[in-house]
Amino acid sequence: MTKTIPTRCPDCRNNSLKLTLVNFESSIKYDGIIHAFTVRDCPVLKCHSCSAILHTTDSHDSIDRAARNHLGLLHSSQIRSNRKLLGLKQHELAEQLRVSAESISRWETGRVMQSRSSDLLLRLYFESPIVRQYTTRFENDISIGCAVKLAKQLTWTNGAAKTSNPIRWSATIHRPNDHGFDSYTNPFKLVG
């Protein structure tokens, strides 16, 4: 399917619109901060009579890529290609990441930019088989990630918790239930 490019300028009504590459400054509000960035070689329709500029779909894709580059986010095409590389449908990736399928669709089409935390989660999921295994393995275990409070900072050596003083420690674990949270204390002893 070929794209039809209009040739008549909507401003001056002359038949002088030509596809041209331009550089320009743009900005986007992201995380409550306005970020300024440069869009390079952006394809636009420019009127050679009145200098009016019309953005095309390709223009919007170019602006989206430049904004994501500036913000350090995965591009929509990268999200889509990584998902397909893993052999997942949008709804399957959404289930694994605990987001809506609509969010995945919006990120992949470029309609919405993912948050930095979602971008980090996407990168970890795409890069690490361990993360993918973790999201599948603990799919129904709602206690994973619940608050565990320790009385003192521990250091880890060879996979074991160590402390300079062999004393009793306890962890208070809060598990969600139908009525809020159950709390219980799990005593254990660490050796120095």
C-alpha atoms as a PDB file:
ATOM      1  CA  MET A   1       0.000   0.000   0.000  1.00  0.00           C
ATOM      2  CA  THR A   2       1.465   3.365  -0.991  1.00  0.00           C
ATOM      3  CA  LYS A   3       0.896   6.560   0.915  1.00  0.00           C
ATOM      4  CA  THR A   4      -0.685   9.419  -0.945  1.00  0.00           C
ATOM      5  CA  ILE A   5       1.031  12.671  -0.151  1.00  0.00           C
ATOM      6  CA  PRO A   6      -1.029  15.839  -0.559  1.00  0.00           C
ATOM      7  CA  THR A   7       0.526  18.483  -2.762  1.00  0.00           C
ATOM      8  CA  ARG A   8      -1.828  21.394  -2.044  1.00  0.00           C
ATOM      9  CA  CYS A   9      -0.919  23.586   0.932  1.00  0.00           C
ATOM     10  CA  PRO A  10      -3.862  24.142   3.319  1.00  0.00           C
ATOM     11  CA  ASP A  11      -2.582  27.654   4.132  1.00  0.00           C
ATOM     12  CA  CYS A  12      -1.793  29.248   0.758  1.00  0.00           C
ATOM     13  CA  ARG A  13      -3.637  26.736  -1.477  1.00  0.00           C
ATOM     14  CA  ASN A  14      -0.661  26.435  -3.845  1.00  0.00           C
ATOM     15  CA  ASN A  15       0.441  23.057  -5.132  1.00  0.00           C
ATOM     16  CA  SER A  16       3.872  23.396  -3.586  1.00  0.00           C
ATOM     17  CA  LEU A  17       4.062  20.843  -0.739  1.00  0.00           C
ATOM     18  CA  LYS A  18       7.200  18.719  -0.903  1.00  0.00           C
ATOM     19  CA  LEU A  19       8.455  15.972   1.397  1.00  0.00           C
ATOM     20  CA  THR A  20      11.470  17.458   3.189  1.00  0.00           C
ATOM     21  CA  LEU A  21      13.734  16.489   6.105  1.00  0.00           C
ATOM     22  CA  VAL A  22      14.024  19.176   8.794  1.00  0.00           C
ATOM     23  CA  ASN A  23      15.663  19.586  12.198  1.00  0.00           C
ATOM     24  CA  PHE A  24      13.736  21.337  14.956  1.00  0.00           C
ATOM     25  CA  GLU A  25      13.461  21.726  18.712  1.00  0.00           C
ATOM     26  CA  SER A  26      10.584  20.100  20.547  1.00  0.00           C
ATOM     27  CA  SER A  27       9.588  19.455  24.140  1.00  0.00           C
ATOM     28  CA  ILE A  28       7.562  16.989  26.144  1.00  0.00           C
ATOM     29  CA  LYS A  29       6.215  16.959  29.672  1.00  0.00           C
ATOM     30  CA  TYR A  30       7.275  13.708  31.331  1.00  0.00           C
ATOM     31  CA  ASP A  31       7.323  12.902  35.047  1.00  0.00           C
ATOM     32  CA  GLY A  32       6.118  16.457  35.716  1.00  0.00           C
ATOM     33  CA  ILE A  33       9.187  18.003  34.054  1.00  0.00           C
ATOM     34  CA  ILE A  34       9.371  19.655  30.644  1.00  0.00           C
ATOM     35  CA  HIS A  35      12.165  18.070  28.609  1.00  0.00           C
ATOM     36  CA  ALA A  36      13.520  19.876  25.534  1.00  0.00           C
ATOM     37  CA  PHE A  37      15.140  17.840  22.761  1.00  0.00           C
ATOM     38  CA  THR A  38      16.159  18.101  19.130  1.00  0.00           C
ATOM     39  CA  VAL A  39      14.421  16.135  16.388  1.00  0.00           C
ATOM     40  CA  ARG A  40      16.855  15.483  13.540  1.00  0.00           C
ATOM     41  CA  ASP A  41      15.968  14.609   9.946  1.00  0.00           C
ATOM     42  CA  CYS A  42      12.244  14.640  10.615  1.00  0.00           C
ATOM     43  CA  PRO A  43      10.190  13.993   7.458  1.00  0.00           C
ATOM     44  CA  VAL A  44       7.601  16.737   6.985  1.00  0.00           C
ATOM     45  CA  LEU A  45       5.602  18.255   4.168  1.00  0.00           C
ATOM     46  CA  LYS A  46       6.891  21.784   3.615  1.00  0.00           C
ATOM     47  CA  CYS A  47       5.255  24.380   1.412  1.00  0.00           C
ATOM     48  CA  HIS A  48       7.859  26.046  -0.741  1.00  0.00           C
ATOM     49  CA  SER A  49       5.560  29.023  -1.300  1.00  0.00           C
ATOM     50  CA  CYS A  50       4.562  30.016   2.248  1.00  0.00           C
ATOM     51  CA  SER A  51       6.954  27.790   4.320  1.00  0.00           C
ATOM     52  CA  ALA A  52       4.075  26.085   6.158  1.00  0.00           C
ATOM     53  CA  ILE A  53       5.017  22.714   7.651  1.00  0.00           C
ATOM     54  CA  LEU A  54       2.672  19.743   7.926  1.00  0.00           C
ATOM     55  CA  HIS A  55       3.504  16.726  10.061  1.00  0.00           C
ATOM     56  CA  THR A  56       2.856  13.247   8.723  1.00  0.00           C
ATOM     57  CA  THR A  57       2.637   9.882  10.469  1.00  0.00           C
ATOM     58  CA  ASP A  58       6.348   9.484   9.795  1.00  0.00           C
ATOM     59  CA  SER A  59       6.927  12.878  11.446  1.00  0.00           C
ATOM     60  CA  HIS A  60       5.164  11.735  14.593  1.00  0.00           C
ATOM     61  CA  ASP A  61       7.195   8.500  14.636  1.00  0.00           C
ATOM     62  CA  SER A  62      10.399  10.512  14.293  1.00  0.00           C
ATOM     63  CA  ILE A  63       9.386  12.857  17.137  1.00  0.00           C
ATOM     64  CA  ASP A  64       8.450   9.867  19.327  1.00  0.00           C
ATOM     65  CA  ARG A  65      11.837   8.215  18.685  1.00  0.00           C
ATOM     66  CA  ALA A  66      13.715  11.437  19.488  1.00  0.00           C
ATOM     67  CA  ALA A  67      11.743  11.928  22.724  1.00  0.00           C
ATOM     68  CA  ARG A  68      12.320   8.321  23.835  1.00  0.00           C
ATOM     69  CA  ASN A  69      16.036   8.631  23.010  1.00  0.00           C
ATOM     70  CA  HIS A  70      16.239  11.811  25.073  1.00  0.00           C
ATOM     71  CA  LEU A  71      14.419  10.199  28.019  1.00  0.00           C
ATOM     72  CA  GLY A  72      16.328   6.905  27.751  1.00  0.00           C
ATOM     73  CA  LEU A  73      13.190   4.806  27.183  1.00  0.00           C
ATOM     74  CA  LEU A  74      12.691   1.756  24.990  1.00  0.00           C
ATOM     75  CA  HIS A  75      11.183   2.649  21.610  1.00  0.00           C
ATOM     76  CA  SER A  76       7.742   1.288  20.800  1.00  0.00           C
ATOM     77  CA  SER A  77       9.241  -0.864  18.028  1.00  0.00           C
ATOM     78  CA  GLN A  78      11.760  -2.317  20.508  1.00  0.00           C
ATOM     79  CA  ILE A  79       8.978  -3.301  22.901  1.00  0.00           C
ATOM     80  CA  ARG A  80       7.037  -4.944  20.078  1.00  0.00           C
ATOM     81  CA  SER A  81      10.046  -6.785  18.604  1.00  0.00           C
ATOM     82  CA  ASN A  82      11.255  -8.042  22.013  1.00  0.00           C
ATOM     83  CA  ARG A  83       7.777  -9.327  22.835  1.00  0.00           C
ATOM     84  CA  LYS A  84       7.554 -11.118  19.494  1.00  0.00           C
ATOM     85  CA  LEU A  85      11.078 -12.503  19.912  1.00  0.00           C
ATOM     86  CA  LEU A  86       9.905 -14.166  23.136  1.00  0.00           C
ATOM     87  CA  GLY A  87       6.876 -15.570  21.273  1.00  0.00           C
ATOM     88  CA  LEU A  88       4.355 -13.722  23.443  1.00  0.00           C
ATOM     89  CA  LYS A  89       1.063 -12.100  22.566  1.00  0.00           C
ATOM     90  CA  GLN A  90       0.306  -8.675  24.049  1.00  0.00           C
ATOM     91  CA  HIS A  91      -2.080 -10.092  26.640  1.00  0.00           C
ATOM     92  CA  GLU A  92       0.494 -12.726  27.689  1.00  0.00           C
ATOM     93  CA  LEU A  93       3.193 -10.104  28.280  1.00  0.00           C
ATOM     94  CA  ALA A  94       0.632  -8.008  30.147  1.00  0.00           C
ATOM     95  CA  GLU A  95      -0.185 -10.937  32.456  1.00  0.00           C
ATOM     96  CA  GLN A  96       3.503 -11.526  33.174  1.00  0.00           C
ATOM     97  CA  LEU A  97       4.157  -7.858  33.998  1.00  0.00           C
ATOM     98  CA  ARG A  98       0.862  -7.365  35.873  1.00  0.00           C
ATOM     99  CA  VAL A  99      -0.276  -4.530  33.592  1.00  0.00           C
ATOM    100  CA  SER A 100      -3.253  -4.253  31.286  1.00  0.00           C
ATOM    101  CA  ALA A 101      -3.090  -5.511  27.708  1.00  0.00           C
ATOM    102  CA  GLU A 102      -4.181  -2.010  26.709  1.00  0.00           C
ATOM    103  CA  SER A 103      -1.000  -0.594  28.289  1.00  0.00           C
ATOM    104  CA  ILE A 104       1.164  -2.945  26.224  1.00  0.00           C
ATOM    105  CA  SER A 105      -0.767  -1.933  23.095  1.00  0.00           C
ATOM    106  CA  ARG A 106      -0.357   1.786  23.840  1.00  0.00           C
ATOM    107  CA  TRP A 107       3.388   1.394  24.488  1.00  0.00           C
ATOM    108  CA  GLU A 108       3.872  -0.603  21.281  1.00  0.00           C
ATOM    109  CA  THR A 109       1.953   1.850  19.099  1.00  0.00           C
ATOM    110  CA  GLY A 110       3.643   4.867  20.676  1.00  0.00           C
ATOM    111  CA  ARG A 111       0.344   6.417  21.810  1.00  0.00           C
ATOM    112  CA  VAL A 112       1.620   6.465  25.410  1.00  0.00           C
ATOM    113  CA  MET A 113       5.159   6.480  26.783  1.00  0.00           C
ATOM    114  CA  GLN A 114       5.774   3.966  29.519  1.00  0.00           C
ATOM    115  CA  SER A 115       6.854   5.220  32.936  1.00  0.00           C
ATOM    116  CA  ARG A 116      10.494   4.848  33.924  1.00  0.00           C
ATOM    117  CA  SER A 117       9.585   2.038  36.336  1.00  0.00           C
ATOM    118  CA  SER A 118       7.632   0.225  33.600  1.00  0.00           C
ATOM    119  CA  ASP A 119      10.544   0.749  31.214  1.00  0.00           C
ATOM    120  CA  LEU A 120      12.925  -0.784  33.761  1.00  0.00           C
ATOM    121  CA  LEU A 121      10.574  -3.728  34.275  1.00  0.00           C
ATOM    122  CA  LEU A 122      10.321  -4.250  30.500  1.00  0.00           C
ATOM    123  CA  ARG A 123      14.118  -4.160  30.129  1.00  0.00           C
ATOM    124  CA  LEU A 124      14.608  -6.638  32.986  1.00  0.00           C
ATOM    125  CA  TYR A 125      11.929  -8.953  31.641  1.00  0.00           C
ATOM    126  CA  PHE A 126      13.291  -8.904  28.081  1.00  0.00           C
ATOM    127  CA  GLU A 127      16.934  -9.293  29.155  1.00  0.00           C
ATOM    128  CA  SER A 128      16.792 -11.843  31.958  1.00  0.00           C
ATOM    129  CA  PRO A 129      15.444 -15.397  31.812  1.00  0.00           C
ATOM    130  CA  ILE A 130      15.589 -15.400  35.623  1.00  0.00           C
ATOM    131  CA  VAL A 131      13.156 -12.477  35.796  1.00  0.00           C
ATOM    132  CA  ARG A 132      10.832 -14.199  33.291  1.00  0.00           C
ATOM    133  CA  GLN A 133      10.986 -17.397  35.361  1.00  0.00           C
ATOM    134  CA  TYR A 134      10.336 -15.439  38.559  1.00  0.00           C
ATOM    135  CA  THR A 135       7.221 -13.721  37.195  1.00  0.00           C
ATOM    136  CA  THR A 136       5.845 -17.101  36.106  1.00  0.00           C
ATOM    137  CA  ARG A 137       6.850 -19.055  39.219  1.00  0.00           C
ATOM    138  CA  PHE A 138       5.410 -16.672  41.775  1.00  0.00           C
ATOM    139  CA  GLU A 139       2.350 -15.726  39.755  1.00  0.00           C
ATOM    140  CA  ASN A 140      -0.119 -16.705  42.490  1.00  0.00           C
ATOM    141  CA  ASP A 141       2.024 -16.223  45.609  1.00  0.00           C
ATOM    142  CA  ILE A 142       0.780 -12.907  46.956  1.00  0.00           C
ATOM    143  CA  SER A 143       3.159 -13.004  49.930  1.00  0.00           C
ATOM    144  CA  ILE A 144       6.187 -12.358  47.693  1.00  0.00           C
ATOM    145  CA  GLY A 145       7.379  -8.811  48.217  1.00  0.00           C
ATOM    146  CA  CYS A 146       5.346  -8.183  51.390  1.00  0.00           C
ATOM    147  CA  ALA A 147       7.052  -6.179  54.103  1.00  0.00           C
ATOM    148  CA  VAL A 148       9.675  -7.991  56.137  1.00  0.00           C
ATOM    149  CA  LYS A 149      11.092  -5.809  58.895  1.00  0.00           C
ATOM    150  CA  LEU A 150      14.503  -6.653  60.339  1.00  0.00           C
ATOM    151  CA  ALA A 151      15.831  -4.923  63.421  1.00  0.00           C
ATOM    152  CA  LYS A 152      19.356  -4.486  62.016  1.00  0.00           C
ATOM    153  CA  GLN A 153      21.078  -4.273  58.632  1.00  0.00           C
ATOM    154  CA  LEU A 154      22.562  -7.625  57.641  1.00  0.00           C
ATOM    155  CA  THR A 155      25.528  -8.358  55.435  1.00  0.00           C
ATOM    156  CA  TRP A 156      25.431 -11.277  53.022  1.00  0.00           C
ATOM    157  CA  THR A 157      28.390 -13.581  52.526  1.00  0.00           C
ATOM    158  CA  ASN A 158      28.245 -16.565  50.175  1.00  0.00           C
ATOM    159  CA  GLY A 159      24.458 -16.427  50.157  1.00  0.00           C
ATOM    160  CA  ALA A 160      24.094 -16.480  53.965  1.00  0.00           C
ATOM    161  CA  ALA A 161      23.116 -13.645  56.282  1.00  0.00           C
ATOM    162  CA  LYS A 162      25.887 -12.765  58.724  1.00  0.00           C
ATOM    163  CA  THR A 163      26.097 -10.417  61.646  1.00  0.00           C
ATOM    164  CA  SER A 164      28.976  -9.557  63.974  1.00  0.00           C
ATOM    165  CA  ASN A 165      26.997 -10.556  67.084  1.00  0.00           C
ATOM    166  CA  PRO A 166      25.252 -13.939  67.184  1.00  0.00           C
ATOM    167  CA  ILE A 167      21.867 -12.842  68.537  1.00  0.00           C
ATOM    168  CA  ARG A 168      18.245 -13.703  67.981  1.00  0.00           C
ATOM    169  CA  TRP A 169      16.458 -11.860  65.206  1.00  0.00           C
ATOM    170  CA  SER A 170      12.869 -11.839  64.186  1.00  0.00           C
ATOM    171  CA  ALA A 171      11.017 -10.797  61.086  1.00  0.00           C
ATOM    172  CA  THR A 172       7.496  -9.470  61.123  1.00  0.00           C
ATOM    173  CA  ILE A 173       5.746 -10.667  58.011  1.00  0.00           C
ATOM    174  CA  HIS A 174       2.541  -9.062  56.810  1.00  0.00           C
ATOM    175  CA  ARG A 175       0.460 -11.283  54.505  1.00  0.00           C
ATOM    176  CA  PRO A 176      -2.669  -9.982  52.761  1.00  0.00           C
ATOM    177  CA  ASN A 177      -5.901 -11.802  53.545  1.00  0.00           C
ATOM    178  CA  ASP A 178      -9.632 -11.242  53.024  1.00  0.00           C
ATOM    179  CA  HIS A 179      -9.849  -8.862  55.986  1.00  0.00           C
ATOM    180  CA  GLY A 180      -6.640  -6.865  55.524  1.00  0.00           C
ATOM    181  CA  PHE A 181      -3.327  -8.298  56.713  1.00  0.00           C
ATOM    182  CA  ASP A 182      -2.253 -11.124  59.006  1.00  0.00           C
ATOM    183  CA  SER A 183       0.953 -10.388  60.872  1.00  0.00           C
ATOM    184  CA  TYR A 184       3.150 -12.929  62.539  1.00  0.00           C
ATOM    185  CA  THR A 185       6.671 -12.931  63.871  1.00  0.00           C
ATOM    186  CA  ASN A 186       9.129 -15.493  62.637  1.00  0.00           C
ATOM    187  CA  PRO A 187      12.074 -15.833  65.066  1.00  0.00           C
ATOM    188  CA  PHE A 188      15.399 -17.056  63.775  1.00  0.00           C
ATOM    189  CA  LYS A 189      19.008 -17.023  64.900  1.00  0.00           C
ATOM    190  CA  LEU A 190      21.874 -15.697  62.858  1.00  0.00           C
ATOM    191  CA  VAL A 191      25.380 -16.898  63.486  1.00  0.00           C
ATOM    192  CA  GLY A 192      28.359 -14.534  63.337  1.00  0.00           C
END
